């Protein structure tokens, strides 16, 4: 990978990678750090990454860094619910799209990542399996369980707000 190709990757993938990461970790500053570290690792591994696989490589690195961050924080649903409650009190959420996003924040990290990769970033099941380093069957299980959980959360507005 040349410097020009790397710069093209930065231009093409930064926004999507940031959106994915910020939804995973829930914090813009941490997401920026993860995105930056992902690009650093891409550059360091530029001789190993096959042409055309840069996007997948970036999302794999960002996913793993996000999971490590969540685990190191011992991220709990209480923290997420506190964030949601304060945002509702400040009037930050007022439409159904935000309700869905709040519900997604309540999912287990693996389920949440699979949902975001599939429905926000448009990856195929096979690509998600590669990024998350799990089997195709496991991706399907994560997505099924995430969707089931979302239905139960969103089914009752009291659970969301």
N, C-alpha and C. Protein backbone atom coordinates (compact mmCIF):
# COMPACT_ATOMS: atom_id res chain seq x y z
N UNK A 1 0.85 -1.17 0.00
CA UNK A 1 0.00 0.00 0.00
C UNK A 1 0.90 1.24 0.00
N UNK A 2 0.60 2.12 -0.91
CA UNK A 2 1.37 3.35 -1.01
C UNK A 2 0.76 4.41 -0.09
N UNK A 3 1.48 5.50 0.06
CA UNK A 3 0.97 6.60 0.87
C UNK A 3 -0.30 7.18 0.26
N UNK A 4 -0.36 7.24 -1.05
CA UNK A 4 -1.56 7.75 -1.72
C UNK A 4 -2.76 6.84 -1.46
N UNK A 5 -2.55 5.54 -1.52
CA UNK A 5 -3.64 4.59 -1.26
C UNK A 5 -4.11 4.71 0.19
N UNK A 6 -3.16 4.90 1.10
CA UNK A 6 -3.52 5.06 2.51
C UNK A 6 -4.35 6.33 2.70
N UNK A 7 -3.93 7.42 2.10
CA UNK A 7 -4.68 8.68 2.20
C UNK A 7 -6.08 8.53 1.62
N UNK A 8 -6.19 7.75 0.55
CA UNK A 8 -7.51 7.50 -0.04
C UNK A 8 -8.39 6.71 0.94
N UNK A 9 -7.79 5.74 1.64
CA UNK A 9 -8.53 4.98 2.65
C UNK A 9 -9.02 5.90 3.76
N UNK A 10 -8.16 6.79 4.19
CA UNK A 10 -8.55 7.74 5.25
C UNK A 10 -9.75 8.56 4.78
N UNK A 11 -9.68 9.07 3.56
CA UNK A 11 -10.77 9.89 3.03
C UNK A 11 -12.07 9.10 2.88
N UNK A 12 -11.96 7.85 2.44
CA UNK A 12 -13.15 7.05 2.18
C UNK A 12 -13.81 6.47 3.43
N UNK A 13 -13.01 6.06 4.40
CA UNK A 13 -13.53 5.23 5.48
C UNK A 13 -13.62 5.89 6.85
N UNK A 14 -13.07 7.07 7.03
CA UNK A 14 -13.04 7.69 8.35
C UNK A 14 -14.43 7.92 8.92
N UNK A 15 -15.32 8.51 8.14
CA UNK A 15 -16.66 8.84 8.66
C UNK A 15 -17.44 7.60 9.07
N UNK A 16 -17.48 6.60 8.22
CA UNK A 16 -18.21 5.37 8.54
C UNK A 16 -17.62 4.65 9.73
N UNK A 17 -16.29 4.60 9.79
CA UNK A 17 -15.62 3.94 10.90
C UNK A 17 -15.91 4.68 12.21
N UNK A 18 -15.91 6.00 12.16
CA UNK A 18 -16.22 6.78 13.35
C UNK A 18 -17.67 6.54 13.80
N UNK A 19 -18.62 6.56 12.86
CA UNK A 19 -20.03 6.32 13.22
C UNK A 19 -20.19 4.96 13.90
N UNK A 20 -19.56 3.95 13.31
CA UNK A 20 -19.65 2.61 13.88
C UNK A 20 -19.05 2.59 15.29
N UNK A 21 -17.89 3.18 15.44
CA UNK A 21 -17.18 3.13 16.71
C UNK A 21 -17.89 3.93 17.79
N UNK A 22 -18.39 5.10 17.44
CA UNK A 22 -19.07 5.91 18.45
C UNK A 22 -20.35 5.22 18.92
N UNK A 23 -21.02 4.50 18.04
CA UNK A 23 -22.21 3.75 18.46
C UNK A 23 -21.82 2.58 19.37
N UNK A 24 -20.65 2.01 19.14
CA UNK A 24 -20.21 0.89 19.98
C UNK A 24 -19.81 1.35 21.38
N UNK A 25 -19.02 2.41 21.46
CA UNK A 25 -18.47 2.82 22.76
C UNK A 25 -19.27 3.93 23.42
N UNK A 26 -20.10 4.65 22.65
CA UNK A 26 -20.96 5.68 23.23
C UNK A 26 -20.25 6.96 23.62
N UNK A 27 -19.04 7.15 23.15
CA UNK A 27 -18.27 8.33 23.53
C UNK A 27 -17.47 8.81 22.32
N UNK A 28 -17.69 10.04 21.91
CA UNK A 28 -17.04 10.57 20.71
C UNK A 28 -15.53 10.63 20.81
N UNK A 29 -15.01 11.06 21.95
CA UNK A 29 -13.56 11.18 22.10
C UNK A 29 -12.89 9.81 22.05
N UNK A 30 -13.47 8.84 22.72
CA UNK A 30 -12.92 7.49 22.69
C UNK A 30 -13.01 6.92 21.28
N UNK A 31 -14.12 7.18 20.60
CA UNK A 31 -14.28 6.71 19.22
C UNK A 31 -13.22 7.31 18.31
N UNK A 32 -12.92 8.59 18.48
CA UNK A 32 -11.87 9.22 17.67
C UNK A 32 -10.53 8.55 17.91
N UNK A 33 -10.23 8.23 19.18
CA UNK A 33 -8.98 7.55 19.50
C UNK A 33 -8.92 6.17 18.84
N UNK A 34 -10.03 5.47 18.86
CA UNK A 34 -10.07 4.14 18.26
C UNK A 34 -9.89 4.22 16.75
N UNK A 35 -10.56 5.18 16.12
CA UNK A 35 -10.42 5.36 14.67
C UNK A 35 -8.98 5.68 14.32
N UNK A 36 -8.38 6.60 15.08
CA UNK A 36 -6.99 6.96 14.82
C UNK A 36 -6.07 5.76 14.99
N UNK A 37 -6.26 5.00 16.05
CA UNK A 37 -5.43 3.82 16.29
C UNK A 37 -5.64 2.78 15.17
N UNK A 38 -6.86 2.66 14.67
CA UNK A 38 -7.13 1.73 13.57
C UNK A 38 -6.33 2.10 12.33
N UNK A 39 -6.29 3.39 12.01
CA UNK A 39 -5.51 3.82 10.86
C UNK A 39 -4.02 3.67 11.09
N UNK A 40 -3.57 3.90 12.31
CA UNK A 40 -2.15 3.69 12.63
C UNK A 40 -1.79 2.22 12.37
N UNK A 41 -2.63 1.32 12.84
CA UNK A 41 -2.35 -0.11 12.66
C UNK A 41 -2.44 -0.52 11.18
N UNK A 42 -3.35 0.11 10.46
CA UNK A 42 -3.41 -0.16 9.02
C UNK A 42 -2.09 0.25 8.36
N UNK A 43 -1.60 1.42 8.70
CA UNK A 43 -0.34 1.88 8.12
C UNK A 43 0.82 0.97 8.51
N UNK A 44 0.85 0.55 9.77
CA UNK A 44 1.92 -0.34 10.23
C UNK A 44 1.86 -1.70 9.55
N UNK A 45 0.68 -2.12 9.15
CA UNK A 45 0.50 -3.43 8.50
C UNK A 45 0.26 -3.29 7.01
N UNK A 46 0.61 -2.17 6.44
CA UNK A 46 0.29 -1.90 5.03
C UNK A 46 0.85 -2.94 4.07
N UNK A 47 1.93 -3.60 4.44
CA UNK A 47 2.54 -4.62 3.56
C UNK A 47 1.82 -5.96 3.67
N UNK A 48 1.06 -6.15 4.75
CA UNK A 48 0.36 -7.41 4.97
C UNK A 48 -1.08 -7.38 4.44
N UNK A 49 -1.68 -6.19 4.40
CA UNK A 49 -3.09 -6.06 4.02
C UNK A 49 -3.22 -6.13 2.51
N UNK A 50 -4.05 -7.07 2.05
CA UNK A 50 -4.25 -7.22 0.61
C UNK A 50 -5.02 -6.04 0.04
N UNK A 51 -4.71 -5.64 -1.17
CA UNK A 51 -5.47 -4.55 -1.81
C UNK A 51 -6.95 -4.91 -1.87
N UNK A 52 -7.79 -3.94 -1.54
CA UNK A 52 -9.22 -4.16 -1.53
C UNK A 52 -9.77 -4.64 -0.20
N UNK A 53 -8.89 -4.97 0.73
CA UNK A 53 -9.32 -5.47 2.04
C UNK A 53 -9.11 -4.44 3.15
N UNK A 54 -8.76 -3.23 2.79
CA UNK A 54 -8.45 -2.22 3.79
C UNK A 54 -9.66 -1.90 4.68
N UNK A 55 -10.83 -1.79 4.08
CA UNK A 55 -12.03 -1.45 4.86
C UNK A 55 -12.33 -2.53 5.89
N UNK A 56 -12.29 -3.75 5.47
CA UNK A 56 -12.55 -4.86 6.38
C UNK A 56 -11.51 -4.89 7.50
N UNK A 57 -10.26 -4.65 7.15
CA UNK A 57 -9.18 -4.62 8.13
C UNK A 57 -9.44 -3.53 9.17
N UNK A 58 -9.81 -2.33 8.69
CA UNK A 58 -10.06 -1.21 9.59
C UNK A 58 -11.20 -1.51 10.56
N UNK A 59 -12.29 -2.06 10.03
CA UNK A 59 -13.44 -2.36 10.89
C UNK A 59 -13.11 -3.47 11.88
N UNK A 60 -12.30 -4.42 11.47
CA UNK A 60 -11.89 -5.48 12.39
C UNK A 60 -11.10 -4.90 13.55
N UNK A 61 -10.14 -4.06 13.24
CA UNK A 61 -9.31 -3.45 14.28
C UNK A 61 -10.18 -2.57 15.18
N UNK A 62 -11.04 -1.74 14.59
CA UNK A 62 -11.89 -0.85 15.39
C UNK A 62 -12.83 -1.66 16.28
N UNK A 63 -13.39 -2.72 15.75
CA UNK A 63 -14.28 -3.58 16.54
C UNK A 63 -13.54 -4.14 17.75
N UNK A 64 -12.36 -4.67 17.53
CA UNK A 64 -11.60 -5.28 18.63
C UNK A 64 -11.19 -4.23 19.66
N UNK A 65 -10.79 -3.05 19.20
CA UNK A 65 -10.43 -1.99 20.13
C UNK A 65 -11.65 -1.52 20.92
N UNK A 66 -12.80 -1.44 20.26
CA UNK A 66 -14.03 -1.03 20.95
C UNK A 66 -14.42 -2.04 22.03
N UNK A 67 -14.35 -3.30 21.69
CA UNK A 67 -14.67 -4.35 22.67
C UNK A 67 -13.69 -4.29 23.84
N UNK A 68 -12.41 -4.11 23.56
CA UNK A 68 -11.42 -3.99 24.64
C UNK A 68 -11.73 -2.79 25.53
N UNK A 69 -12.13 -1.69 24.92
CA UNK A 69 -12.47 -0.48 25.67
C UNK A 69 -13.68 -0.73 26.56
N UNK A 70 -14.69 -1.35 26.00
CA UNK A 70 -15.90 -1.63 26.76
C UNK A 70 -15.58 -2.55 27.93
N UNK A 71 -14.80 -3.56 27.69
CA UNK A 71 -14.45 -4.50 28.75
C UNK A 71 -13.60 -3.83 29.83
N UNK A 72 -12.69 -2.97 29.42
CA UNK A 72 -11.82 -2.32 30.40
C UNK A 72 -12.60 -1.34 31.28
N UNK A 73 -13.64 -0.77 30.76
CA UNK A 73 -14.49 0.14 31.53
C UNK A 73 -15.46 -0.61 32.43
N UNK A 74 -15.59 -1.89 32.16
CA UNK A 74 -16.62 -2.70 32.81
C UNK A 74 -17.97 -2.02 32.58
N UNK A 75 -18.17 -1.71 31.31
CA UNK A 75 -19.36 -1.00 30.83
C UNK A 75 -20.59 -1.77 31.23
N UNK A 76 -21.47 -1.13 31.98
CA UNK A 76 -22.68 -1.81 32.42
C UNK A 76 -23.91 -1.13 31.86
N UNK A 77 -25.02 -1.82 31.92
CA UNK A 77 -26.26 -1.24 31.42
C UNK A 77 -26.68 -0.07 32.30
N UNK A 78 -26.24 -0.03 33.57
CA UNK A 78 -26.56 1.10 34.44
C UNK A 78 -25.97 2.39 33.89
N UNK A 79 -24.73 2.33 33.40
CA UNK A 79 -24.10 3.51 32.83
C UNK A 79 -24.89 3.97 31.61
N UNK A 80 -25.26 3.04 30.76
CA UNK A 80 -26.02 3.38 29.56
C UNK A 80 -27.37 3.98 29.93
N UNK A 81 -28.05 3.39 30.90
CA UNK A 81 -29.35 3.90 31.31
C UNK A 81 -29.23 5.28 31.94
N UNK A 82 -28.16 5.53 32.68
CA UNK A 82 -27.94 6.87 33.24
C UNK A 82 -27.76 7.88 32.12
N UNK A 83 -26.99 7.52 31.10
CA UNK A 83 -26.78 8.40 29.95
C UNK A 83 -28.11 8.69 29.25
N UNK A 84 -28.93 7.65 29.09
CA UNK A 84 -30.22 7.81 28.42
C UNK A 84 -31.12 8.72 29.25
N UNK A 85 -31.18 8.48 30.56
CA UNK A 85 -32.04 9.28 31.42
C UNK A 85 -31.66 10.75 31.38
N UNK A 86 -30.37 11.04 31.45
CA UNK A 86 -29.95 12.44 31.42
C UNK A 86 -30.26 13.08 30.07
N UNK A 87 -30.11 12.32 28.99
CA UNK A 87 -30.40 12.86 27.66
C UNK A 87 -31.89 13.13 27.50
N UNK A 88 -32.73 12.26 28.07
CA UNK A 88 -34.18 12.47 27.98
C UNK A 88 -34.56 13.71 28.77
N UNK A 89 -33.97 13.88 29.96
CA UNK A 89 -34.27 15.05 30.78
C UNK A 89 -33.86 16.33 30.09
N UNK A 90 -32.75 16.29 29.34
CA UNK A 90 -32.28 17.47 28.63
C UNK A 90 -33.03 17.69 27.32
N UNK A 91 -33.93 16.78 26.99
CA UNK A 91 -34.71 16.92 25.75
C UNK A 91 -33.95 16.48 24.52
N UNK A 92 -32.93 15.65 24.70
CA UNK A 92 -32.09 15.24 23.57
C UNK A 92 -32.73 14.21 22.66
N UNK A 93 -33.75 13.50 23.13
CA UNK A 93 -34.37 12.45 22.34
C UNK A 93 -35.86 12.74 22.20
N UNK A 94 -36.33 12.76 20.97
CA UNK A 94 -37.75 13.03 20.82
C UNK A 94 -38.37 12.33 19.62
N UNK A 95 -37.67 11.40 18.99
CA UNK A 95 -38.28 10.70 17.87
C UNK A 95 -38.00 9.21 17.96
N UNK A 96 -38.70 8.46 17.12
CA UNK A 96 -38.60 7.00 17.19
C UNK A 96 -37.21 6.49 16.83
N UNK A 97 -36.49 7.19 15.97
CA UNK A 97 -35.13 6.78 15.64
C UNK A 97 -34.22 6.80 16.86
N UNK A 98 -34.40 7.79 17.68
CA UNK A 98 -33.61 7.87 18.90
C UNK A 98 -33.99 6.78 19.89
N UNK A 99 -35.26 6.40 19.90
CA UNK A 99 -35.70 5.30 20.77
C UNK A 99 -35.00 4.01 20.36
N UNK A 100 -34.90 3.77 19.07
CA UNK A 100 -34.21 2.58 18.58
C UNK A 100 -32.74 2.63 18.97
N UNK A 101 -32.11 3.78 18.82
CA UNK A 101 -30.69 3.91 19.18
C UNK A 101 -30.48 3.67 20.67
N UNK A 102 -31.36 4.18 21.49
CA UNK A 102 -31.24 3.94 22.93
C UNK A 102 -31.41 2.46 23.24
N UNK A 103 -32.33 1.81 22.55
CA UNK A 103 -32.54 0.38 22.76
C UNK A 103 -31.30 -0.41 22.34
N UNK A 104 -30.70 -0.02 21.23
CA UNK A 104 -29.47 -0.69 20.77
C UNK A 104 -28.36 -0.53 21.79
N UNK A 105 -28.29 0.62 22.44
CA UNK A 105 -27.27 0.84 23.47
C UNK A 105 -27.39 -0.15 24.62
N UNK A 106 -28.57 -0.71 24.81
CA UNK A 106 -28.79 -1.64 25.91
C UNK A 106 -28.41 -3.08 25.58
N UNK A 107 -28.06 -3.35 24.33
CA UNK A 107 -27.70 -4.71 23.92
C UNK A 107 -26.30 -5.08 24.43
N UNK A 108 -26.05 -6.39 24.49
CA UNK A 108 -24.70 -6.87 24.80
C UNK A 108 -23.74 -6.35 23.73
N UNK A 109 -22.49 -6.11 24.06
CA UNK A 109 -21.54 -5.52 23.09
C UNK A 109 -21.44 -6.28 21.77
N UNK A 110 -21.41 -7.61 21.83
CA UNK A 110 -21.28 -8.39 20.60
C UNK A 110 -22.52 -8.26 19.73
N UNK A 111 -23.69 -8.28 20.36
CA UNK A 111 -24.94 -8.15 19.61
C UNK A 111 -25.02 -6.76 18.99
N UNK A 112 -24.66 -5.77 19.79
CA UNK A 112 -24.71 -4.38 19.32
C UNK A 112 -23.79 -4.18 18.12
N UNK A 113 -22.58 -4.70 18.20
CA UNK A 113 -21.63 -4.56 17.10
C UNK A 113 -22.14 -5.23 15.83
N UNK A 114 -22.69 -6.42 15.98
CA UNK A 114 -23.23 -7.13 14.82
C UNK A 114 -24.37 -6.34 14.19
N UNK A 115 -25.26 -5.78 15.03
CA UNK A 115 -26.37 -4.97 14.52
C UNK A 115 -25.86 -3.74 13.77
N UNK A 116 -24.91 -3.06 14.36
CA UNK A 116 -24.39 -1.85 13.74
C UNK A 116 -23.69 -2.16 12.42
N UNK A 117 -22.90 -3.22 12.40
CA UNK A 117 -22.20 -3.59 11.17
C UNK A 117 -23.19 -3.97 10.07
N UNK A 118 -24.24 -4.67 10.43
CA UNK A 118 -25.21 -5.12 9.44
C UNK A 118 -26.13 -3.99 8.96
N UNK A 119 -26.73 -3.29 9.90
CA UNK A 119 -27.80 -2.36 9.54
C UNK A 119 -27.34 -0.91 9.37
N UNK A 120 -26.23 -0.53 9.98
CA UNK A 120 -25.74 0.83 9.80
C UNK A 120 -24.66 0.91 8.74
N UNK A 121 -23.81 -0.10 8.71
CA UNK A 121 -22.69 -0.07 7.77
C UNK A 121 -22.92 -0.93 6.54
N UNK A 122 -23.93 -1.79 6.56
CA UNK A 122 -24.31 -2.56 5.38
C UNK A 122 -23.43 -3.75 5.06
N UNK A 123 -22.71 -4.27 6.01
CA UNK A 123 -21.87 -5.44 5.76
C UNK A 123 -22.71 -6.70 5.61
N UNK A 124 -22.21 -7.64 4.83
CA UNK A 124 -22.87 -8.94 4.70
C UNK A 124 -22.54 -9.78 5.94
N UNK A 125 -23.28 -10.86 6.12
CA UNK A 125 -23.03 -11.75 7.25
C UNK A 125 -21.59 -12.28 7.22
N UNK A 126 -21.12 -12.63 6.04
CA UNK A 126 -19.76 -13.16 5.90
C UNK A 126 -18.72 -12.14 6.30
N UNK A 127 -18.94 -10.88 5.89
CA UNK A 127 -17.99 -9.83 6.25
C UNK A 127 -18.00 -9.57 7.76
N UNK A 128 -19.18 -9.61 8.36
CA UNK A 128 -19.29 -9.42 9.80
C UNK A 128 -18.55 -10.53 10.54
N UNK A 129 -18.70 -11.76 10.06
CA UNK A 129 -18.01 -12.89 10.69
C UNK A 129 -16.50 -12.68 10.64
N UNK A 130 -16.01 -12.19 9.53
CA UNK A 130 -14.57 -11.95 9.39
C UNK A 130 -14.13 -10.83 10.32
N UNK A 131 -14.88 -9.74 10.37
CA UNK A 131 -14.54 -8.60 11.22
C UNK A 131 -14.54 -8.99 12.69
N UNK A 132 -15.57 -9.72 13.10
CA UNK A 132 -15.72 -10.08 14.51
C UNK A 132 -14.94 -11.34 14.89
N UNK A 133 -14.36 -11.99 13.88
CA UNK A 133 -13.58 -13.21 14.09
C UNK A 133 -14.42 -14.30 14.76
N UNK A 134 -15.63 -14.49 14.22
CA UNK A 134 -16.53 -15.54 14.68
C UNK A 134 -17.05 -16.28 13.45
N UNK A 135 -17.78 -17.36 13.69
CA UNK A 135 -18.33 -18.11 12.57
C UNK A 135 -19.55 -17.40 12.00
N UNK A 136 -19.92 -17.78 10.80
CA UNK A 136 -21.12 -17.24 10.17
C UNK A 136 -22.35 -17.57 11.02
N UNK A 137 -22.40 -18.78 11.55
CA UNK A 137 -23.52 -19.18 12.40
C UNK A 137 -23.61 -18.29 13.63
N UNK A 138 -22.46 -17.93 14.21
CA UNK A 138 -22.46 -17.08 15.40
C UNK A 138 -22.98 -15.68 15.08
N UNK A 139 -22.65 -15.16 13.90
CA UNK A 139 -23.17 -13.86 13.47
C UNK A 139 -24.70 -13.92 13.39
N UNK A 140 -25.21 -14.98 12.80
CA UNK A 140 -26.66 -15.12 12.69
C UNK A 140 -27.32 -15.21 14.06
N UNK A 141 -26.66 -15.90 14.98
CA UNK A 141 -27.19 -16.01 16.34
C UNK A 141 -27.18 -14.64 17.02
N UNK A 142 -26.06 -13.91 16.90
CA UNK A 142 -25.98 -12.57 17.50
C UNK A 142 -27.11 -11.67 16.97
N UNK A 143 -27.29 -11.69 15.66
CA UNK A 143 -28.31 -10.83 15.06
C UNK A 143 -29.72 -11.26 15.47
N UNK A 144 -29.97 -12.56 15.50
CA UNK A 144 -31.29 -13.04 15.93
C UNK A 144 -31.57 -12.62 17.36
N UNK A 145 -30.60 -12.82 18.24
CA UNK A 145 -30.80 -12.48 19.65
C UNK A 145 -30.93 -10.96 19.83
N UNK A 146 -30.15 -10.20 19.08
CA UNK A 146 -30.23 -8.74 19.17
C UNK A 146 -31.60 -8.26 18.72
N UNK A 147 -32.10 -8.79 17.62
CA UNK A 147 -33.41 -8.39 17.13
C UNK A 147 -34.52 -8.79 18.10
N UNK A 148 -34.40 -9.98 18.67
CA UNK A 148 -35.39 -10.44 19.64
C UNK A 148 -35.38 -9.53 20.87
N UNK A 149 -34.20 -9.19 21.34
CA UNK A 149 -34.08 -8.30 22.49
C UNK A 149 -34.62 -6.91 22.18
N UNK A 150 -34.34 -6.41 20.99
CA UNK A 150 -34.86 -5.10 20.59
C UNK A 150 -36.38 -5.09 20.57
N UNK A 151 -36.96 -6.18 20.06
CA UNK A 151 -38.43 -6.27 20.04
C UNK A 151 -38.99 -6.21 21.45
N UNK A 152 -38.34 -6.89 22.37
CA UNK A 152 -38.87 -6.89 23.75
C UNK A 152 -38.65 -5.53 24.41
N UNK A 153 -37.55 -4.86 24.11
CA UNK A 153 -37.29 -3.54 24.70
C UNK A 153 -38.25 -2.51 24.12
N UNK A 154 -38.34 -2.48 22.82
CA UNK A 154 -39.15 -1.46 22.15
C UNK A 154 -40.63 -1.76 22.28
N UNK A 155 -40.96 -3.01 22.50
CA UNK A 155 -42.37 -3.39 22.66
C UNK A 155 -43.06 -2.65 23.78
N UNK A 156 -42.31 -2.24 24.80
CA UNK A 156 -42.86 -1.49 25.92
C UNK A 156 -42.12 -0.16 26.02
N UNK A 157 -42.79 0.95 25.76
CA UNK A 157 -42.14 2.26 25.85
C UNK A 157 -41.55 2.53 27.23
N UNK A 158 -42.11 1.94 28.28
CA UNK A 158 -41.57 2.14 29.61
C UNK A 158 -40.16 1.59 29.74
N UNK A 159 -39.85 0.56 28.93
CA UNK A 159 -38.51 -0.01 28.98
C UNK A 159 -37.48 0.89 28.31
N UNK A 160 -37.90 1.73 27.39
CA UNK A 160 -36.98 2.56 26.63
C UNK A 160 -36.73 3.88 27.32
N UNK A 161 -37.77 4.51 27.82
CA UNK A 161 -37.63 5.84 28.42
C UNK A 161 -37.44 5.75 29.90
